[in-house]
Full PDB file with SEQRES, HELIX, SHEET, SSBOND, CRYST1, ORIGX, SCALE, CONECT and MASTER records, all heavy atoms in Angstrom:
SEQRES   1 A   33  PRO HIS ARG ASP GLN VAL GLU ILE GLU PHE LYS SER PHE          
SEQRES   2 A   33  GLU LEU ASP PRO ASN ALA PRO THR TYR ASN GLY LYS ASN          
SEQRES   3 A   33  ILE HIS GLU ALA LEU ALA ALA                                  
HELIX    1 AA1 ARG A    3  GLN A    5  5                                   3    
HELIX    2 AA2 ILE A   27  ALA A   32  1                                   6    
CRYST1    1.000    1.000    1.000  90.00  90.00  90.00 P 1           1          
ORIGX1      1.000000  0.000000  0.000000        0.00000                         
ORIGX2      0.000000  1.000000  0.000000        0.00000                         
ORIGX3      0.000000  0.000000  1.000000        0.00000                         
SCALE1      1.000000  0.000000  0.000000        0.00000                         
SCALE2      0.000000  1.000000  0.000000        0.00000                         
SCALE3      0.000000  0.000000  1.000000        0.00000                         
ATOM      1  N   PRO A   1      26.807  -3.548   9.244  1.00  0.00           N  
ATOM      2  CA  PRO A   1      27.913  -4.408   8.804  1.00  0.00           C  
ATOM      3  C   PRO A   1      27.518  -5.841   8.470  1.00  0.00           C  
ATOM      4  O   PRO A   1      28.257  -6.536   7.774  1.00  0.00           O  
ATOM      5  CB  PRO A   1      28.888  -4.357   9.993  1.00  0.00           C  
ATOM      6  CG  PRO A   1      28.061  -3.943  11.166  1.00  0.00           C  
ATOM      7  CD  PRO A   1      26.998  -3.051  10.610  1.00  0.00           C  
ATOM      8  N   HIS A   2      26.358  -6.274   8.957  1.00  0.00           N  
ATOM      9  CA  HIS A   2      25.929  -7.662   8.709  1.00  0.00           C  
ATOM     10  C   HIS A   2      24.749  -7.712   7.742  1.00  0.00           C  
ATOM     11  O   HIS A   2      23.970  -8.667   7.769  1.00  0.00           O  
ATOM     12  CB  HIS A   2      25.549  -8.320  10.038  1.00  0.00           C  
ATOM     13  CG  HIS A   2      26.567  -8.150  11.118  1.00  0.00           C  
ATOM     14  ND1 HIS A   2      27.794  -8.796  11.106  1.00  0.00           N  
ATOM     15  CD2 HIS A   2      26.550  -7.375  12.238  1.00  0.00           C  
ATOM     16  CE1 HIS A   2      28.488  -8.449  12.183  1.00  0.00           C  
ATOM     17  NE2 HIS A   2      27.761  -7.587  12.879  1.00  0.00           N  
ATOM     18  N   ARG A   3      24.630  -6.714   6.884  1.00  0.00           N  
ATOM     19  CA  ARG A   3      23.473  -6.628   5.984  1.00  0.00           C  
ATOM     20  C   ARG A   3      23.352  -7.831   5.055  1.00  0.00           C  
ATOM     21  O   ARG A   3      22.251  -8.185   4.649  1.00  0.00           O  
ATOM     22  CB  ARG A   3      23.521  -5.341   5.166  1.00  0.00           C  
ATOM     23  CG  ARG A   3      24.754  -5.172   4.304  1.00  0.00           C  
ATOM     24  CD  ARG A   3      24.764  -3.795   3.645  1.00  0.00           C  
ATOM     25  NE  ARG A   3      25.997  -3.538   2.906  1.00  0.00           N  
ATOM     26  CZ  ARG A   3      27.117  -3.093   3.446  1.00  0.00           C  
ATOM     27  NH1 ARG A   3      27.149  -2.853   4.759  1.00  0.00           N  
ATOM     28  NH2 ARG A   3      28.191  -2.879   2.723  1.00  0.00           N  
ATOM     29  N   ASP A   4      24.478  -8.470   4.732  1.00  0.00           N  
ATOM     30  CA  ASP A   4      24.426  -9.639   3.852  1.00  0.00           C  
ATOM     31  C   ASP A   4      23.755 -10.835   4.524  1.00  0.00           C  
ATOM     32  O   ASP A   4      23.418 -11.816   3.856  1.00  0.00           O  
ATOM     33  CB  ASP A   4      25.832 -10.037   3.404  1.00  0.00           C  
ATOM     34  CG  ASP A   4      26.465  -8.996   2.482  1.00  0.00           C  
ATOM     35  OD1 ASP A   4      25.707  -8.191   1.900  1.00  0.00           O  
ATOM     36  OD2 ASP A   4      27.702  -8.975   2.351  1.00  0.00           O  
ATOM     37  N   GLN A   5      23.577 -10.746   5.822  1.00  0.00           N  
ATOM     38  CA  GLN A   5      22.945 -11.841   6.550  1.00  0.00           C  
ATOM     39  C   GLN A   5      21.523 -11.487   6.974  1.00  0.00           C  
ATOM     40  O   GLN A   5      20.960 -12.118   7.855  1.00  0.00           O  
ATOM     41  CB  GLN A   5      23.793 -12.198   7.779  1.00  0.00           C  
ATOM     42  CG  GLN A   5      25.198 -12.684   7.410  1.00  0.00           C  
ATOM     43  CD  GLN A   5      26.017 -13.057   8.626  1.00  0.00           C  
ATOM     44  OE1 GLN A   5      25.598 -13.892   9.427  1.00  0.00           O  
ATOM     45  NE2 GLN A   5      27.178 -12.443   8.776  1.00  0.00           N  
ATOM     46  N   VAL A   6      20.974 -10.471   6.332  1.00  0.00           N  
ATOM     47  CA  VAL A   6      19.600 -10.053   6.618  1.00  0.00           C  
ATOM     48  C   VAL A   6      18.691 -10.466   5.465  1.00  0.00           C  
ATOM     49  O   VAL A   6      18.942 -10.133   4.310  1.00  0.00           O  
ATOM     50  CB  VAL A   6      19.507  -8.523   6.819  1.00  0.00           C  
ATOM     51  CG1 VAL A   6      18.053  -8.107   7.041  1.00  0.00           C  
ATOM     52  CG2 VAL A   6      20.364  -8.081   8.003  1.00  0.00           C  
ATOM     53  N   GLU A   7      17.656 -11.191   5.788  1.00  0.00           N  
ATOM     54  CA  GLU A   7      16.653 -11.603   4.796  1.00  0.00           C  
ATOM     55  C   GLU A   7      15.404 -10.757   4.992  1.00  0.00           C  
ATOM     56  O   GLU A   7      14.934 -10.578   6.108  1.00  0.00           O  
ATOM     57  CB  GLU A   7      16.307 -13.081   4.976  1.00  0.00           C  
ATOM     58  CG  GLU A   7      15.165 -13.567   4.090  1.00  0.00           C  
ATOM     59  CD  GLU A   7      14.659 -14.940   4.476  1.00  0.00           C  
ATOM     60  OE1 GLU A   7      15.224 -15.564   5.385  1.00  0.00           O  
ATOM     61  OE2 GLU A   7      13.662 -15.381   3.860  1.00  0.00           O  
ATOM     62  N   ILE A   8      14.879 -10.223   3.891  1.00  0.00           N  
ATOM     63  CA  ILE A   8      13.666  -9.409   3.965  1.00  0.00           C  
ATOM     64  C   ILE A   8      12.536 -10.124   3.230  1.00  0.00           C  
ATOM     65  O   ILE A   8      12.710 -10.582   2.098  1.00  0.00           O  
ATOM     66  CB  ILE A   8      13.892  -8.014   3.363  1.00  0.00           C  
ATOM     67  CG1 ILE A   8      14.883  -7.226   4.231  1.00  0.00           C  
ATOM     68  CG2 ILE A   8      12.567  -7.245   3.250  1.00  0.00           C  
ATOM     69  CD1 ILE A   8      15.194  -5.846   3.717  1.00  0.00           C  
ATOM     70  N   GLU A   9      11.415 -10.225   3.884  1.00  0.00           N  
ATOM     71  CA  GLU A   9      10.229 -10.848   3.276  1.00  0.00           C  
ATOM     72  C   GLU A   9       9.059  -9.884   3.384  1.00  0.00           C  
ATOM     73  O   GLU A   9       8.765  -9.372   4.462  1.00  0.00           O  
ATOM     74  CB  GLU A   9       9.896 -12.158   3.985  1.00  0.00           C  
ATOM     75  CG  GLU A   9       8.695 -12.882   3.378  1.00  0.00           C  
ATOM     76  CD  GLU A   9       8.425 -14.217   4.043  1.00  0.00           C  
ATOM     77  OE1 GLU A   9       9.296 -14.704   4.799  1.00  0.00           O  
ATOM     78  OE2 GLU A   9       7.341 -14.768   3.811  1.00  0.00           O  
ATOM     79  N   PHE A  10       8.403  -9.632   2.267  1.00  0.00           N  
ATOM     80  CA  PHE A  10       7.273  -8.713   2.245  1.00  0.00           C  
ATOM     81  C   PHE A  10       5.970  -9.471   2.460  1.00  0.00           C  
ATOM     82  O   PHE A  10       5.772 -10.557   1.919  1.00  0.00           O  
ATOM     83  CB  PHE A  10       7.233  -7.947   0.926  1.00  0.00           C  
ATOM     84  CG  PHE A  10       8.396  -7.008   0.755  1.00  0.00           C  
ATOM     85  CD1 PHE A  10       9.530  -7.408   0.072  1.00  0.00           C  
ATOM     86  CD2 PHE A  10       8.363  -5.740   1.305  1.00  0.00           C  
ATOM     87  CE1 PHE A  10      10.618  -6.560  -0.069  1.00  0.00           C  
ATOM     88  CE2 PHE A  10       9.443  -4.874   1.169  1.00  0.00           C  
ATOM     89  CZ  PHE A  10      10.570  -5.288   0.483  1.00  0.00           C  
ATOM     90  N   LYS A  11       5.103  -8.885   3.265  1.00  0.00           N  
ATOM     91  CA  LYS A  11       3.819  -9.481   3.596  1.00  0.00           C  
ATOM     92  C   LYS A  11       2.684  -8.578   3.105  1.00  0.00           C  
ATOM     93  O   LYS A  11       2.775  -7.354   3.171  1.00  0.00           O  
ATOM     94  CB  LYS A  11       3.694  -9.668   5.110  1.00  0.00           C  
ATOM     95  CG  LYS A  11       4.745 -10.585   5.719  1.00  0.00           C  
ATOM     96  CD  LYS A  11       4.517 -12.029   5.338  1.00  0.00           C  
ATOM     97  CE  LYS A  11       5.407 -12.963   6.121  1.00  0.00           C  
ATOM     98  NZ  LYS A  11       5.159 -14.390   5.776  1.00  0.00           N  
ATOM     99  N   SER A  12       1.620  -9.191   2.654  1.00  0.00           N  
ATOM    100  CA  SER A  12       0.489  -8.440   2.108  1.00  0.00           C  
ATOM    101  C   SER A  12      -0.374  -7.827   3.201  1.00  0.00           C  
ATOM    102  O   SER A  12      -0.645  -8.448   4.229  1.00  0.00           O  
ATOM    103  CB  SER A  12      -0.387  -9.356   1.249  1.00  0.00           C  
ATOM    104  OG  SER A  12       0.339  -9.848   0.143  1.00  0.00           O  
ATOM    105  N   PHE A  13      -0.792  -6.594   2.952  1.00  0.00           N  
ATOM    106  CA  PHE A  13      -1.729  -5.898   3.846  1.00  0.00           C  
ATOM    107  C   PHE A  13      -2.485  -4.887   3.004  1.00  0.00           C  
ATOM    108  O   PHE A  13      -1.886  -3.990   2.418  1.00  0.00           O  
ATOM    109  CB  PHE A  13      -0.961  -5.184   4.968  1.00  0.00           C  
ATOM    110  CG  PHE A  13      -1.845  -4.638   6.055  1.00  0.00           C  
ATOM    111  CD1 PHE A  13      -1.984  -5.305   7.268  1.00  0.00           C  
ATOM    112  CD2 PHE A  13      -2.539  -3.444   5.878  1.00  0.00           C  
ATOM    113  CE1 PHE A  13      -2.800  -4.796   8.265  1.00  0.00           C  
ATOM    114  CE2 PHE A  13      -3.363  -2.929   6.869  1.00  0.00           C  
ATOM    115  CZ  PHE A  13      -3.489  -3.607   8.074  1.00  0.00           C  
ATOM    116  N   GLU A  14      -3.797  -5.032   2.934  1.00  0.00           N  
ATOM    117  CA  GLU A  14      -4.622  -4.077   2.188  1.00  0.00           C  
ATOM    118  C   GLU A  14      -5.168  -3.033   3.157  1.00  0.00           C  
ATOM    119  O   GLU A  14      -5.895  -3.360   4.088  1.00  0.00           O  
ATOM    120  CB  GLU A  14      -5.783  -4.793   1.510  1.00  0.00           C  
ATOM    121  CG  GLU A  14      -5.385  -5.800   0.453  1.00  0.00           C  
ATOM    122  CD  GLU A  14      -6.567  -6.622   0.011  1.00  0.00           C  
ATOM    123  OE1 GLU A  14      -6.852  -7.658   0.652  1.00  0.00           O  
ATOM    124  OE2 GLU A  14      -7.244  -6.198  -0.958  1.00  0.00           O  
ATOM    125  N   LEU A  15      -4.822  -1.775   2.926  1.00  0.00           N  
ATOM    126  CA  LEU A  15      -5.358  -0.714   3.768  1.00  0.00           C  
ATOM    127  C   LEU A  15      -6.880  -0.677   3.696  1.00  0.00           C  
ATOM    128  O   LEU A  15      -7.554  -0.409   4.682  1.00  0.00           O  
ATOM    129  CB  LEU A  15      -4.778   0.634   3.344  1.00  0.00           C  
ATOM    130  CG  LEU A  15      -3.327   0.892   3.741  1.00  0.00           C  
ATOM    131  CD1 LEU A  15      -2.841   2.193   3.121  1.00  0.00           C  
ATOM    132  CD2 LEU A  15      -3.175   0.925   5.256  1.00  0.00           C  
ATOM    133  N   ASP A  16      -7.413  -0.952   2.521  1.00  0.00           N  
ATOM    134  CA  ASP A  16      -8.861  -0.984   2.340  1.00  0.00           C  
ATOM    135  C   ASP A  16      -9.214  -2.110   1.371  1.00  0.00           C  
ATOM    136  O   ASP A  16      -9.231  -1.906   0.153  1.00  0.00           O  
ATOM    137  CB  ASP A  16      -9.374   0.351   1.810  1.00  0.00           C  
ATOM    138  CG  ASP A  16     -10.895   0.386   1.687  1.00  0.00           C  
ATOM    139  OD1 ASP A  16     -11.549  -0.616   2.048  1.00  0.00           O  
ATOM    140  OD2 ASP A  16     -11.434   1.419   1.225  1.00  0.00           O  
ATOM    141  N   PRO A  17      -9.494  -3.302   1.905  1.00  0.00           N  
ATOM    142  CA  PRO A  17      -9.835  -4.435   1.030  1.00  0.00           C  
ATOM    143  C   PRO A  17     -11.065  -4.176   0.166  1.00  0.00           C  
ATOM    144  O   PRO A  17     -11.232  -4.812  -0.877  1.00  0.00           O  
ATOM    145  CB  PRO A  17     -10.101  -5.579   2.023  1.00  0.00           C  
ATOM    146  CG  PRO A  17      -9.376  -5.174   3.266  1.00  0.00           C  
ATOM    147  CD  PRO A  17      -9.476  -3.686   3.318  1.00  0.00           C  
ATOM    148  N   ASN A  18     -11.912  -3.242   0.584  1.00  0.00           N  
ATOM    149  CA  ASN A  18     -13.136  -2.937  -0.161  1.00  0.00           C  
ATOM    150  C   ASN A  18     -12.985  -1.740  -1.088  1.00  0.00           C  
ATOM    151  O   ASN A  18     -13.976  -1.256  -1.653  1.00  0.00           O  
ATOM    152  CB  ASN A  18     -14.286  -2.682   0.814  1.00  0.00           C  
ATOM    153  CG  ASN A  18     -14.591  -3.895   1.676  1.00  0.00           C  
ATOM    154  OD1 ASN A  18     -14.688  -5.010   1.177  1.00  0.00           O  
ATOM    155  ND2 ASN A  18     -14.738  -3.682   2.974  1.00  0.00           N  
ATOM    156  N   ALA A  19     -11.774  -1.259  -1.236  1.00  0.00           N  
ATOM    157  CA  ALA A  19     -11.547  -0.091  -2.095  1.00  0.00           C  
ATOM    158  C   ALA A  19     -11.938  -0.426  -3.535  1.00  0.00           C  
ATOM    159  O   ALA A  19     -11.668  -1.525  -4.025  1.00  0.00           O  
ATOM    160  CB  ALA A  19     -10.086   0.325  -2.045  1.00  0.00           C  
ATOM    161  N   PRO A  20     -12.560   0.511  -4.224  1.00  0.00           N  
ATOM    162  CA  PRO A  20     -12.912   0.264  -5.635  1.00  0.00           C  
ATOM    163  C   PRO A  20     -11.667   0.370  -6.506  1.00  0.00           C  
ATOM    164  O   PRO A  20     -10.625   0.882  -6.075  1.00  0.00           O  
ATOM    165  CB  PRO A  20     -13.884   1.409  -5.932  1.00  0.00           C  
ATOM    166  CG  PRO A  20     -13.427   2.517  -5.036  1.00  0.00           C  
ATOM    167  CD  PRO A  20     -12.971   1.853  -3.767  1.00  0.00           C  
ATOM    168  N   THR A  21     -11.786  -0.127  -7.717  1.00  0.00           N  
ATOM    169  CA  THR A  21     -10.712   0.123  -8.670  1.00  0.00           C  
ATOM    170  C   THR A  21     -10.764   1.607  -9.044  1.00  0.00           C  
ATOM    171  O   THR A  21     -11.722   2.307  -8.723  1.00  0.00           O  
ATOM    172  CB  THR A  21     -10.878  -0.745  -9.930  1.00  0.00           C  
ATOM    173  OG1 THR A  21     -12.182  -0.515 -10.492  1.00  0.00           O  
ATOM    174  CG2 THR A  21     -10.718  -2.226  -9.587  1.00  0.00           C  
ATOM    175  N   TYR A  22      -9.733   2.083  -9.702  1.00  0.00           N  
ATOM    176  CA  TYR A  22      -9.633   3.514  -9.989  1.00  0.00           C  
ATOM    177  C   TYR A  22     -10.888   4.018 -10.689  1.00  0.00           C  
ATOM    178  O   TYR A  22     -11.324   3.470 -11.704  1.00  0.00           O  
ATOM    179  CB  TYR A  22      -8.406   3.765 -10.863  1.00  0.00           C  
ATOM    180  CG  TYR A  22      -8.225   5.218 -11.246  1.00  0.00           C  
ATOM    181  CD1 TYR A  22      -8.091   6.204 -10.279  1.00  0.00           C  
ATOM    182  CD2 TYR A  22      -8.197   5.586 -12.593  1.00  0.00           C  
ATOM    183  CE1 TYR A  22      -7.934   7.532 -10.621  1.00  0.00           C  
ATOM    184  CE2 TYR A  22      -8.022   6.917 -12.954  1.00  0.00           C  
ATOM    185  CZ  TYR A  22      -7.895   7.887 -11.964  1.00  0.00           C  
ATOM    186  OH  TYR A  22      -7.737   9.202 -12.314  1.00  0.00           O  
ATOM    187  N   ASN A  23     -11.473   5.063 -10.110  1.00  0.00           N  
ATOM    188  CA  ASN A  23     -12.746   5.579 -10.636  1.00  0.00           C  
ATOM    189  C   ASN A  23     -12.649   7.026 -11.120  1.00  0.00           C  
ATOM    190  O   ASN A  23     -13.673   7.682 -11.321  1.00  0.00           O  
ATOM    191  CB  ASN A  23     -13.830   5.465  -9.566  1.00  0.00           C  
ATOM    192  CG  ASN A  23     -13.458   6.168  -8.270  1.00  0.00           C  
ATOM    193  OD1 ASN A  23     -12.512   6.966  -8.230  1.00  0.00           O  
ATOM    194  ND2 ASN A  23     -14.178   5.861  -7.199  1.00  0.00           N  
ATOM    195  N   GLY A  24     -11.442   7.491 -11.302  1.00  0.00           N  
ATOM    196  CA  GLY A  24     -11.265   8.848 -11.810  1.00  0.00           C  
ATOM    197  C   GLY A  24     -10.980   9.885 -10.742  1.00  0.00           C  
ATOM    198  O   GLY A  24     -10.534  10.993 -11.035  1.00  0.00           O  
ATOM    199  N   LYS A  25     -11.236   9.544  -9.460  1.00  0.00           N  
ATOM    200  CA  LYS A  25     -10.943  10.481  -8.381  1.00  0.00           C  
ATOM    201  C   LYS A  25      -9.435  10.560  -8.158  1.00  0.00           C  
ATOM    202  O   LYS A  25      -8.751   9.538  -8.175  1.00  0.00           O  
ATOM    203  CB  LYS A  25     -11.624  10.030  -7.083  1.00  0.00           C  
ATOM    204  CG  LYS A  25     -13.104  10.317  -7.011  1.00  0.00           C  
ATOM    205  CD  LYS A  25     -13.632  10.014  -5.610  1.00  0.00           C  
ATOM    206  CE  LYS A  25     -15.100  10.369  -5.493  1.00  0.00           C  
ATOM    207  NZ  LYS A  25     -15.620  10.110  -4.125  1.00  0.00           N  
ATOM    208  N   ASN A  26      -8.945  11.779  -7.928  1.00  0.00           N  
ATOM    209  CA  ASN A  26      -7.527  11.892  -7.625  1.00  0.00           C  
ATOM    210  C   ASN A  26      -7.297  11.629  -6.136  1.00  0.00           C  
ATOM    211  O   ASN A  26      -8.245  11.488  -5.357  1.00  0.00           O  
ATOM    212  CB  ASN A  26      -6.963  13.253  -8.049  1.00  0.00           C  
ATOM    213  CG  ASN A  26      -7.597  14.414  -7.299  1.00  0.00           C  
ATOM    214  OD1 ASN A  26      -7.908  14.322  -6.117  1.00  0.00           O  
ATOM    215  ND2 ASN A  26      -7.787  15.529  -8.004  1.00  0.00           N  
ATOM    216  N   ILE A  27      -6.038  11.571  -5.737  1.00  0.00           N  
ATOM    217  CA  ILE A  27      -5.711  11.190  -4.366  1.00  0.00           C  
ATOM    218  C   ILE A  27      -6.194  12.220  -3.360  1.00  0.00           C  
ATOM    219  O   ILE A  27      -6.551  11.883  -2.226  1.00  0.00           O  
ATOM    220  CB  ILE A  27      -4.186  10.956  -4.217  1.00  0.00           C  
ATOM    221  CG1 ILE A  27      -3.871  10.273  -2.872  1.00  0.00           C  
ATOM    222  CG2 ILE A  27      -3.406  12.246  -4.387  1.00  0.00           C  
ATOM    223  CD1 ILE A  27      -4.431   8.886  -2.739  1.00  0.00           C  
ATOM    224  N   HIS A  28      -6.239  13.500  -3.756  1.00  0.00           N  
ATOM    225  CA  HIS A  28      -6.721  14.539  -2.851  1.00  0.00           C  
ATOM    226  C   HIS A  28      -8.204  14.333  -2.551  1.00  0.00           C  
ATOM    227  O   HIS A  28      -8.644  14.433  -1.398  1.00  0.00           O  
ATOM    228  CB  HIS A  28      -6.508  15.928  -3.462  1.00  0.00           C  
ATOM    229  CG  HIS A  28      -5.101  16.209  -3.875  1.00  0.00           C  
ATOM    230  ND1 HIS A  28      -4.028  16.056  -3.030  1.00  0.00           N  
ATOM    231  CD2 HIS A  28      -4.586  16.637  -5.068  1.00  0.00           C  
ATOM    232  CE1 HIS A  28      -2.916  16.382  -3.667  1.00  0.00           C  
ATOM    233  NE2 HIS A  28      -3.227  16.730  -4.902  1.00  0.00           N  
ATOM    234  N   GLU A  29      -8.975  14.024  -3.583  1.00  0.00           N  
ATOM    235  CA  GLU A  29     -10.406  13.786  -3.417  1.00  0.00           C  
ATOM    236  C   GLU A  29     -10.657  12.540  -2.574  1.00  0.00           C  
ATOM    237  O   GLU A  29     -11.534  12.519  -1.712  1.00  0.00           O  
ATOM    238  CB  GLU A  29     -11.079  13.650  -4.779  1.00  0.00           C  
ATOM    239  CG  GLU A  29     -11.059  14.924  -5.619  1.00  0.00           C  
ATOM    240  CD  GLU A  29     -11.522  14.700  -7.050  1.00  0.00           C  
ATOM    241  OE1 GLU A  29     -11.176  13.634  -7.627  1.00  0.00           O  
ATOM    242  OE2 GLU A  29     -12.225  15.572  -7.580  1.00  0.00           O  
ATOM    243  N   ALA A  30      -9.871  11.511  -2.834  1.00  0.00           N  
ATOM    244  CA  ALA A  30     -10.033  10.259  -2.097  1.00  0.00           C  
ATOM    245  C   ALA A  30      -9.704  10.451  -0.617  1.00  0.00           C  
ATOM    246  O   ALA A  30     -10.425   9.954   0.264  1.00  0.00           O  
ATOM    247  CB  ALA A  30      -9.130   9.182  -2.702  1.00  0.00           C  
ATOM    248  N   LEU A  31      -8.643  11.189  -0.337  1.00  0.00           N  
ATOM    249  CA  LEU A  31      -8.248  11.439   1.047  1.00  0.00           C  
ATOM    250  C   LEU A  31      -9.286  12.300   1.760  1.00  0.00           C  
ATOM    251  O   LEU A  31      -9.637  12.037   2.918  1.00  0.00           O  
ATOM    252  CB  LEU A  31      -6.872  12.116   1.080  1.00  0.00           C  
ATOM    253  CG  LEU A  31      -6.237  12.293   2.461  1.00  0.00           C  
ATOM    254  CD1 LEU A  31      -5.875  10.933   3.044  1.00  0.00           C  
ATOM    255  CD2 LEU A  31      -4.988  13.168   2.371  1.00  0.00           C  
ATOM    256  N   ALA A  32      -9.776  13.314   1.077  1.00  0.00           N  
ATOM    257  CA  ALA A  32     -10.779  14.194   1.666  1.00  0.00           C  
ATOM    258  C   ALA A  32     -12.052  13.424   2.014  1.00  0.00           C  
ATOM    259  O   ALA A  32     -12.637  13.603   3.092  1.00  0.00           O  
ATOM    260  CB  ALA A  32     -11.095  15.339   0.702  1.00  0.00           C  
ATOM    261  N   ALA A  33     -12.478  12.541   1.113  1.00  0.00           N  
ATOM    262  CA  ALA A  33     -13.690  11.752   1.345  1.00  0.00           C  
ATOM    263  C   ALA A  33     -13.491  10.761   2.488  1.00  0.00           C  
ATOM    264  O   ALA A  33     -14.391  10.549   3.306  1.00  0.00           O  
ATOM    265  CB  ALA A  33     -14.071  11.010   0.066  1.00  0.00           C  
TER     266      ALA A  33                                                      
MASTER        0    0    0    2    0    0    0    6  265    1    0    3          
END                                                                             
């Protein structure tokens, strides 16, 4: 009922700061590795 008084702020968090840019591997391959 008080949702209009709720402020949401998003904060940055990198799961893997050293992750490469997309290299052609799909998500299944990346997860498996």
